[in-house]
Protein backbone atom coordinates (compact mmCIF):
# COMPACT_ATOMS: atom_id res chain seq x y z
CA MET A 1 62.73 -47.99 52.81
CA ASP A 2 63.11 -45.60 50.12
CA LYS A 3 64.00 -42.02 51.12
CA GLN A 4 61.66 -39.90 49.70
CA LYS A 5 58.92 -41.70 52.11
CA GLN A 6 60.98 -40.69 55.12
CA LYS A 7 60.59 -37.28 54.24
CA PRO A 8 57.23 -35.25 56.12
CA ARG A 9 54.80 -34.60 53.99
CA ILE A 10 53.55 -31.22 53.70
CA THR A 11 50.36 -30.34 52.99
CA PRO A 12 49.58 -26.72 53.55
CA GLU A 13 46.37 -24.68 52.94
CA VAL A 14 48.12 -22.11 50.56
CA TYR A 15 47.19 -21.89 46.96
CA VAL A 16 47.23 -19.42 44.14
CA VAL A 17 44.03 -19.29 42.12
CA GLY A 18 44.42 -17.77 38.82
CA ARG A 19 46.68 -14.47 39.64
CA GLN A 20 45.41 -14.02 43.53
CA MET A 21 47.02 -15.11 46.39
CA ASP A 22 45.32 -16.99 49.40
CA VAL A 23 46.55 -14.54 52.06
CA ASP A 24 44.17 -16.03 54.68
CA GLY A 25 45.77 -19.28 53.84
CA LEU A 26 49.21 -17.91 54.26
CA ARG A 27 48.20 -16.50 58.17
CA THR A 28 46.55 -19.87 58.89
CA MET A 29 50.12 -21.76 58.06
CA ALA A 30 52.25 -18.88 59.86
CA GLN A 31 50.31 -19.61 62.76
CA ARG A 32 49.91 -22.91 63.02
CA ASP A 33 53.80 -24.41 61.84
CA SER A 34 55.74 -21.57 60.96
CA VAL A 35 58.45 -24.05 59.80
CA ALA A 36 56.17 -25.49 56.87
CA PHE A 37 55.10 -21.74 56.35
CA ALA A 38 58.91 -20.78 55.48
CA GLN A 39 59.43 -24.30 53.46
CA ARG A 40 55.84 -24.02 50.98
CA THR A 41 56.19 -20.19 50.70
CA GLN A 42 60.13 -20.59 49.16
CA GLU A 43 58.38 -23.78 46.90
CA LEU A 44 55.93 -21.79 45.82
CA ILE A 45 58.54 -18.85 44.70
CA ASP A 46 60.50 -21.09 42.95
CA GLN A 47 57.67 -22.71 41.35
CA GLY A 48 56.52 -19.05 40.08
CA GLU A 49 53.52 -19.33 41.76
CA LEU A 50 54.12 -16.39 44.68
CA ARG A 51 55.00 -13.07 42.99
CA TRP A 52 54.48 -9.57 43.72
CA ASP A 53 51.95 -9.29 40.50
CA LYS A 54 49.77 -11.92 42.03
CA VAL A 55 49.30 -9.85 45.74
CA ARG A 56 45.51 -8.19 45.21
CA ASP A 57 45.84 -6.91 48.59
CA VAL A 58 49.44 -5.86 49.93
CA ARG A 59 47.66 -3.90 52.97
CA GLY A 60 45.75 -7.02 53.93
CA LEU A 61 48.98 -9.31 53.40
CA PHE A 62 51.55 -6.83 55.27
CA HIS A 63 48.72 -6.50 58.05
CA LYS A 64 47.80 -10.49 58.35
CA LEU A 65 51.45 -11.43 58.29
CA ASP A 66 53.44 -9.09 59.97
CA GLY A 67 54.22 -9.94 63.62
CA ILE A 68 54.11 -13.56 63.29
CA SER A 69 57.44 -14.91 63.98
CA VAL A 70 58.78 -17.49 61.58
CA PRO A 71 62.19 -19.28 60.97
CA ALA A 72 64.38 -17.79 58.26
CA ALA A 73 68.03 -18.17 57.28
CA VAL A 74 70.48 -15.11 56.54
CA ASN A 75 74.05 -15.06 55.48
CA VAL A 76 76.77 -13.75 58.17
CA ALA A 77 80.24 -13.15 56.88
CA GLY A 78 80.01 -16.30 54.74
CA GLU A 79 78.12 -18.37 57.50
CA THR A 80 74.11 -19.54 57.06
CA ARG A 81 72.49 -18.68 60.48
CA ALA A 82 69.13 -19.54 61.39
CA ILE A 83 67.30 -16.84 62.79
CA GLN A 84 63.30 -15.71 63.47
CA ALA A 85 62.04 -13.21 61.24
CA SER A 86 58.40 -11.51 60.78
CA ALA A 87 56.00 -13.86 57.90
CA PHE A 88 55.99 -10.82 55.92
CA PRO A 89 59.55 -9.34 55.24
CA LEU A 90 60.42 -13.42 54.82
CA LEU A 91 57.31 -13.81 52.01
CA ALA A 92 57.98 -9.70 50.61
CA GLY A 93 62.05 -10.54 50.53
CA GLY A 94 61.75 -13.52 48.79
CA MET A 95 59.12 -12.58 46.03
CA THR A 96 61.03 -9.51 45.57
CA ILE A 97 64.53 -11.41 45.07
CA ALA A 98 62.80 -13.94 42.42
CA GLY A 99 61.13 -10.79 41.05
CA ILE A 100 64.48 -9.11 40.42
CA GLN A 101 66.23 -12.15 38.94
CA GLU A 102 63.72 -12.93 36.50
CA ALA A 103 64.07 -9.55 35.56
CA TYR A 104 67.56 -9.77 35.05
CA ALA A 105 67.30 -12.76 33.17
CA ALA A 106 64.84 -11.46 30.85
CA VAL A 107 67.86 -8.63 29.42
CA PRO A 108 68.66 -9.89 26.21
CA ALA A 109 72.66 -10.17 26.48
CA ILE A 110 75.57 -11.69 24.57
CA GLY A 111 78.04 -11.01 27.05
CA GLY A 112 78.67 -14.00 28.79
CA GLU A 113 79.43 -15.70 25.42
CA LEU A 114 82.14 -12.99 24.86
CA VAL A 115 84.30 -14.06 28.09
CA THR A 116 85.37 -16.95 30.41
CA ASP A 117 82.98 -16.32 33.96
CA THR A 118 85.32 -16.77 36.70
CA GLU A 119 85.36 -15.92 40.83
CA ASP A 120 88.06 -14.26 42.79
CA ASN A 121 87.38 -12.32 46.22
CA LYS A 122 90.50 -10.65 45.66
CA ARG A 123 90.33 -6.85 44.93
CA VAL A 124 92.80 -6.93 42.15
CA SER A 125 93.18 -10.62 40.40
CA ILE A 126 96.59 -11.76 38.47
CA TYR A 127 96.18 -14.02 35.64
CA ALA A 128 99.85 -15.43 34.78
CA GLY A 129 100.23 -16.88 31.12
CA ILE A 130 103.62 -19.06 31.58
CA THR A 131 105.69 -18.47 27.98
CA SER A 132 108.30 -20.88 27.12
CA GLU A 133 112.13 -19.48 26.47
CA ASP A 134 113.63 -22.07 24.20
CA LEU A 135 116.72 -22.10 22.77
CA LYS A 136 115.74 -23.37 19.57
CA ILE A 137 118.47 -26.23 19.02
CA ASP A 138 116.96 -28.61 16.19
CA ARG A 139 119.09 -31.69 16.81
CA VAL A 140 120.31 -32.76 20.09
CA ASP A 141 123.42 -35.37 19.26
CA GLU A 142 124.10 -38.48 21.05
CA ALA A 143 125.46 -38.49 24.47
CA LYS A 144 124.69 -34.80 24.42
CA ASP A 145 122.72 -33.27 27.38
CA PHE A 146 119.66 -32.24 26.40
CA PRO A 147 118.92 -28.44 26.43
CA GLU A 148 116.42 -27.46 29.81
CA ILE A 149 114.12 -25.24 28.58
CA GLY A 150 112.90 -22.14 30.77
CA ALA A 151 109.51 -20.17 31.49
CA GLY A 152 108.92 -16.87 31.98
CA GLU A 153 105.61 -15.10 32.99
CA GLU A 154 103.49 -12.57 31.48
CA LYS A 155 101.14 -10.93 34.23
CA PHE A 156 97.91 -9.64 33.38
CA GLU A 157 96.17 -7.63 35.99
CA ILE A 158 92.39 -7.35 36.34
CA ARG A 159 90.71 -5.06 38.84
CA SER A 160 87.19 -5.42 40.62
CA ASN A 161 84.17 -2.91 40.02
CA ARG A 162 82.28 -2.66 42.89
CA ASN A 163 78.45 -1.58 42.12
CA GLY A 164 74.39 -2.18 43.48
CA ARG A 165 70.66 -0.66 43.77
CA ARG A 166 68.07 -0.37 46.17
CA ILE A 167 64.29 0.10 45.98
CA SER A 168 62.45 1.37 49.01
CA ILE A 169 58.61 0.96 49.41
CA THR A 170 56.81 2.97 51.38
CA ALA A 171 53.82 2.57 54.09
CA GLU A 172 51.95 4.42 51.88
CA MET A 173 52.15 1.80 48.77
CA ILE A 174 51.04 -0.26 51.21
CA GLU A 175 48.07 1.40 52.32
CA GLU A 176 47.14 2.41 49.23
CA ASN A 177 47.60 -0.69 48.07
CA ASP A 178 49.77 0.27 44.98
CA VAL A 179 51.26 -2.96 43.57
CA PRO A 180 51.69 -2.01 40.03
CA ASN A 181 54.49 0.74 41.25
CA ILE A 182 56.35 -2.24 43.46
CA VAL A 183 55.96 -4.57 40.56
CA GLU A 184 57.39 -2.13 38.76
CA ARG A 185 60.24 -0.89 41.28
CA VAL A 186 61.42 -4.52 41.29
CA ASN A 187 61.68 -5.09 37.62
CA ALA A 188 63.31 -1.86 37.54
CA LEU A 189 66.03 -3.72 40.17
CA GLY A 190 67.32 -6.58 38.04
CA GLU A 191 66.51 -4.83 34.34
CA ILE A 192 69.45 -2.38 35.56
CA ALA A 193 71.48 -4.72 37.26
CA GLY A 194 71.57 -6.79 33.78
CA GLU A 195 71.92 -4.02 31.75
CA THR A 196 74.68 -2.62 33.63
CA VAL A 197 76.86 -5.90 33.54
CA GLU A 198 76.26 -6.40 29.77
CA GLN A 199 76.95 -2.80 29.16
CA GLN A 200 80.48 -3.02 31.15
CA THR A 201 81.20 -6.63 29.41
CA LEU A 202 80.95 -4.75 26.01
CA ARG A 203 83.13 -1.84 26.69
CA ARG A 204 85.28 -4.14 28.40
CA VAL A 205 85.95 -6.09 25.25
CA THR A 206 85.98 -3.48 22.90
CA ASP A 207 88.49 -1.54 24.94
CA HIS A 208 86.19 1.05 24.12
CA THR A 209 87.77 3.94 26.39
CA GLY A 210 91.50 2.22 26.89
CA SER A 211 91.67 1.75 22.95
CA ALA A 212 90.42 4.96 21.94
CA ALA A 213 92.53 8.02 20.44
CA VAL A 214 93.59 9.05 23.46
CA GLY A 215 93.29 5.74 25.63
CA ALA A 216 92.21 6.16 29.60
CA GLU A 217 90.77 4.47 32.33
CA PRO A 218 89.20 1.68 32.46
CA TYR A 219 91.62 -0.31 30.22
CA ALA A 220 90.72 -4.02 29.42
CA LEU A 221 94.44 -5.18 29.03
CA ARG A 222 96.82 -4.36 32.12
CA PRO A 223 99.79 -6.35 31.65
CA ASN A 224 101.75 -6.30 34.91
CA GLY A 225 99.72 -3.68 36.00
CA VAL A 226 99.58 -0.90 33.34
CA GLY A 227 96.90 -0.20 31.70
CA THR A 228 97.39 -0.43 27.70
CA ALA A 229 95.77 0.00 24.84
CA LEU A 230 94.59 -3.52 23.74
CA TYR A 231 94.07 -3.16 20.14
CA ASN A 232 96.50 -1.15 18.30
CA SER A 233 97.46 -0.85 14.52
CA THR A 234 101.49 -0.60 15.03
CA ALA A 235 103.16 -3.54 14.75
CA GLY A 236 104.63 -5.21 17.73
CA ASN A 237 101.96 -3.44 19.58
CA PRO A 238 100.39 -3.98 22.52
CA GLY A 239 103.38 -6.55 22.74
CA VAL A 240 105.51 -7.92 20.64
CA ARG A 241 103.50 -11.17 20.32
CA ALA A 242 101.47 -9.05 18.32
CA THR A 243 103.38 -9.04 14.85
CA ASN A 244 101.57 -6.61 13.01
CA GLY A 245 99.24 -5.37 15.62
CA THR A 246 95.55 -6.06 16.60
CA ARG A 247 93.36 -3.36 14.92
CA VAL A 248 92.96 -3.18 11.31
CA LEU A 249 92.47 -0.08 9.73
CA ASN A 250 90.13 0.89 6.71
CA ASN A 251 88.73 -2.48 6.77
CA ALA A 252 85.05 -2.06 6.96
CA LEU A 253 82.89 -4.85 6.89
CA VAL A 254 81.24 -4.98 3.02
CA ASP A 255 82.38 -8.38 1.32
CA GLU A 256 84.61 -11.89 2.12
CA THR A 257 87.95 -10.00 1.61
CA ASP A 258 87.74 -7.83 4.65
CA LEU A 259 87.05 -10.79 6.74
CA GLU A 260 89.84 -12.14 5.16
CA ALA A 261 92.46 -9.04 6.46
CA ALA A 262 90.83 -9.85 9.88
CA ARG A 263 91.68 -13.59 9.41
CA ALA A 264 95.26 -12.72 7.84
CA ARG A 265 95.63 -10.36 11.09
CA LEU A 266 94.89 -12.93 13.61
CA VAL A 267 97.22 -15.28 12.01
CA SER A 268 100.10 -13.52 12.19
CA MET A 269 100.00 -13.63 15.99
CA ARG A 270 102.66 -15.37 17.52
CA ASN A 271 103.61 -17.62 20.64
CA SER A 272 106.57 -16.73 22.84
CA LEU A 273 108.92 -18.71 20.52
CA GLY A 274 107.95 -16.63 17.70
CA ALA A 275 105.88 -19.15 16.38
CA ARG A 276 102.46 -18.62 14.23
CA ILE A 277 99.78 -19.57 16.71
CA SER A 278 96.48 -21.84 15.42
CA ILE A 279 93.41 -19.90 16.40
CA PRO A 280 90.67 -22.20 14.59
CA MET A 281 87.71 -20.31 12.99
CA SER A 282 85.10 -22.57 14.50
CA ARG A 283 86.32 -21.36 17.78
CA CYS A 284 85.81 -17.57 16.56
CA ILE A 285 83.11 -15.14 16.81
CA LEU A 286 82.37 -12.22 14.87
CA LEU A 287 80.95 -9.42 16.63
CA VAL A 288 79.66 -6.76 15.11
CA PRO A 289 76.74 -3.90 16.02
CA ASP A 290 73.51 -3.93 14.69
CA ALA A 291 74.22 -1.61 11.92
CA LEU A 292 76.29 -4.10 10.39
CA ALA A 293 74.08 -7.66 11.61
CA GLY A 294 72.78 -8.00 7.83
CA THR A 295 76.03 -7.76 5.98
CA ALA A 296 77.43 -10.49 8.68
CA ALA A 297 74.77 -12.66 8.27
CA LYS A 298 75.05 -12.22 4.00
CA LEU A 299 78.80 -13.35 4.41
CA THR A 300 78.45 -16.33 6.57
CA ASN A 301 75.05 -17.67 4.91
CA SER A 302 75.83 -17.28 1.15
CA GLU A 303 77.13 -20.33 0.21
CA TYR A 304 78.96 -18.97 -2.80
CA GLN A 305 80.89 -16.02 -4.11
CA PRO A 306 78.95 -13.34 -5.05
CA GLY A 307 79.02 -12.31 -9.20
CA VAL A 308 81.54 -15.87 -8.98
CA GLU A 309 79.80 -19.03 -10.58
CA ASN A 310 80.59 -22.04 -8.93
CA GLU A 311 82.89 -20.51 -6.65
CA LEU A 312 82.33 -21.75 -2.90
CA ASN A 313 82.39 -18.95 -0.20
CA ASN A 314 85.34 -19.40 2.39
CA TRP A 315 83.28 -17.60 4.70
CA GLY A 316 80.05 -19.27 3.86
CA PRO A 317 78.11 -22.61 5.30
CA ARG A 318 80.00 -25.01 3.39
CA GLY A 319 83.17 -23.24 3.52
CA MET A 320 86.71 -23.68 5.42
CA TYR A 321 86.21 -20.41 7.59
CA ARG A 322 82.84 -19.53 9.31
CA PRO A 323 82.43 -17.71 12.63
CA ARG A 324 79.75 -17.73 14.64
CA VAL A 325 78.14 -14.19 14.30
CA LEU A 326 76.88 -12.17 17.45
CA SER A 327 75.08 -9.02 17.34
CA THR A 328 73.33 -6.29 19.75
CA PRO A 329 72.36 -3.41 19.52
CA LYS A 330 74.67 -1.72 22.46
CA LEU A 331 77.59 -2.14 20.34
CA ASP A 332 75.83 0.74 17.93
CA ASP A 333 76.20 2.93 21.14
CA LEU A 334 80.14 2.25 20.85
CA SER A 335 80.71 2.50 17.43
CA THR A 336 78.02 1.68 14.23
CA SER A 337 81.40 0.26 12.25
CA ALA A 338 83.97 -1.13 14.19
CA TRP A 339 83.40 -5.02 14.30
CA TYR A 340 85.95 -7.90 15.70
CA LEU A 341 87.06 -11.11 15.09
CA GLY A 342 88.51 -13.97 17.20
CA ASP A 343 88.65 -16.19 19.97
CA PHE A 344 86.73 -13.76 22.72
CA LYS A 345 86.22 -16.34 25.57
CA ARG A 346 90.13 -17.35 25.32
CA GLN A 347 91.28 -13.62 25.93
CA PHE A 348 88.73 -12.30 28.13
CA LYS A 349 87.71 -13.14 31.48
CA ARG A 350 84.98 -11.78 33.67
CA LYS A 351 85.70 -11.50 37.54
CA TRP A 352 83.28 -11.73 39.94
CA LYS A 353 84.45 -10.41 43.43
CA LEU A 354 80.91 -10.77 44.51
CA ARG A 355 77.95 -12.48 42.95
CA PHE A 356 74.87 -10.91 42.94
CA GLU A 357 73.94 -10.06 46.59
CA TYR A 358 70.37 -9.54 48.01
CA VAL A 359 69.21 -8.03 50.90
CA THR A 360 65.93 -6.94 52.25
CA LEU A 361 64.62 -5.06 54.88
CA THR A 362 61.13 -4.41 56.53
CA THR A 363 59.84 -1.71 59.45
CA ASP A 364 62.40 -2.67 62.14
CA THR A 365 64.65 -0.18 60.73
CA GLU A 366 65.45 3.61 61.45
CA SER A 367 64.02 4.15 57.85
CA PHE A 368 60.72 3.62 59.05
CA LEU A 369 60.79 5.67 61.80
CA LYS A 370 62.38 8.70 59.86
CA SER A 371 60.49 8.07 56.60
CA ARG A 372 57.93 5.44 56.73
CA ILE A 373 60.07 3.37 54.76
CA ALA A 374 58.28 0.09 55.03
CA PHE A 375 60.13 -2.30 52.75
CA GLN A 376 63.66 -2.28 51.30
CA ALA A 377 65.42 -4.25 48.84
CA ARG A 378 68.95 -3.67 47.35
CA VAL A 379 71.24 -5.91 45.25
CA ALA A 380 75.36 -5.40 44.89
CA TRP A 381 78.12 -7.00 43.16
CA ASP A 382 80.98 -6.35 42.06
CA VAL A 383 82.34 -7.86 38.67
CA GLU A 384 84.85 -6.54 36.06
CA ILE A 385 86.21 -7.44 32.97
CA GLY A 386 89.83 -7.85 31.40
CA ALA A 387 91.75 -9.16 28.83
CA VAL A 388 94.52 -11.94 29.98
CA ASP A 389 96.33 -11.89 26.63
CA TYR A 390 96.37 -9.83 23.43
CA VAL A 391 96.26 -12.18 20.27
CA TYR A 392 93.04 -13.79 20.01
CA VAL A 393 91.15 -10.65 18.64
CA VAL A 394 91.21 -8.16 16.51
CA GLN A 395 89.21 -4.98 15.88
CA CYS A 396 88.63 -3.58 12.44
CA LEU A 397 87.74 -0.07 11.70
CA SER A 398 85.92 1.53 8.82
CA ALA A 399 88.73 4.10 8.78
CA ALA A 400 91.68 5.25 10.84
CA THR A 401 89.78 7.06 13.80
CA ALA A 402 88.99 4.67 16.87
CA PRO A 403 85.65 4.80 17.92
CA ALA A 404 85.14 6.95 20.84
CA ASP A 405 82.15 8.11 23.13
CA GLU A 406 80.04 11.14 21.89
């Protein structure tokens, strides 16, 4: 027998007409079949049919559902447990979480394309890069032992960064049917979370504070736990494998020669054996602020060299080098002239100690007793971004001064 046909068919008296929620249907279902209520409302939330902006009478919704007990699943210390909860906070919590997630997803972001996301619940995580140690023997004669190679370790530390926001909906907002204010607060919670993570990611991959003229915490690069400037114009810095440094001075993005200067710095990087490493341009990103987005687009979309007849542009569509261009106005808040080239995902990890955690509470709290807070929602997260190497991305400055906060 088809397994799908074995499942109970739910035909609830709950629907959404246009932009209005069927409050009476919700109440009837909650009273008649609490299990079906929990299932069906979550289905409608997942489908986008139940949202705060579809509520026309939040006061009526509150009074018709509050006090009706329905089953709910909660996470306690990593374990899912079944409890009984009031129907109103269950529905309100589901709509709030969905609204937060949608607002978060709507925030324009490029940070995820610059890092490799990983999860680790430790406060301080250590990422070890194994480096080979060899005797550099060109030939092993017959009957001679093959030499054994050793392995050293470069250890890079990424810490944690706890953050979060919450909102409160008062009894007065419910009594006055202030739905727009509720929607605005829910959206703000998701938007702030999205903006905060994006800004944090951009500040770390550019090592904005660590590589400033006077380096300061937080550093993106922490070899052996020591905060170190990631972008440095001095040879052999931030480590010996960066033969000529990781920062190119006086290299404003104007034409293909500036891109070539950045590429030349990348190909000078070394592995643990002292040999040059290969960083394919097909995996590289040209990261620029909005102020340089037009220039970057021209340089990578022009088939021929400007002013030179029939000479292909090496950085154009048919050229041998063509990185992917990424840009965001948020970079302009850090610098309107600094730009970057490299394999970002190879160099940066975004470590989530805590993925987005959502918690909602209703009137059964001390807050209602003290301040008539009828409903609360909180989102928390713990994420930090760090470099697990220093040879895959270079920074280019228009002059010799590192970007700094104004």
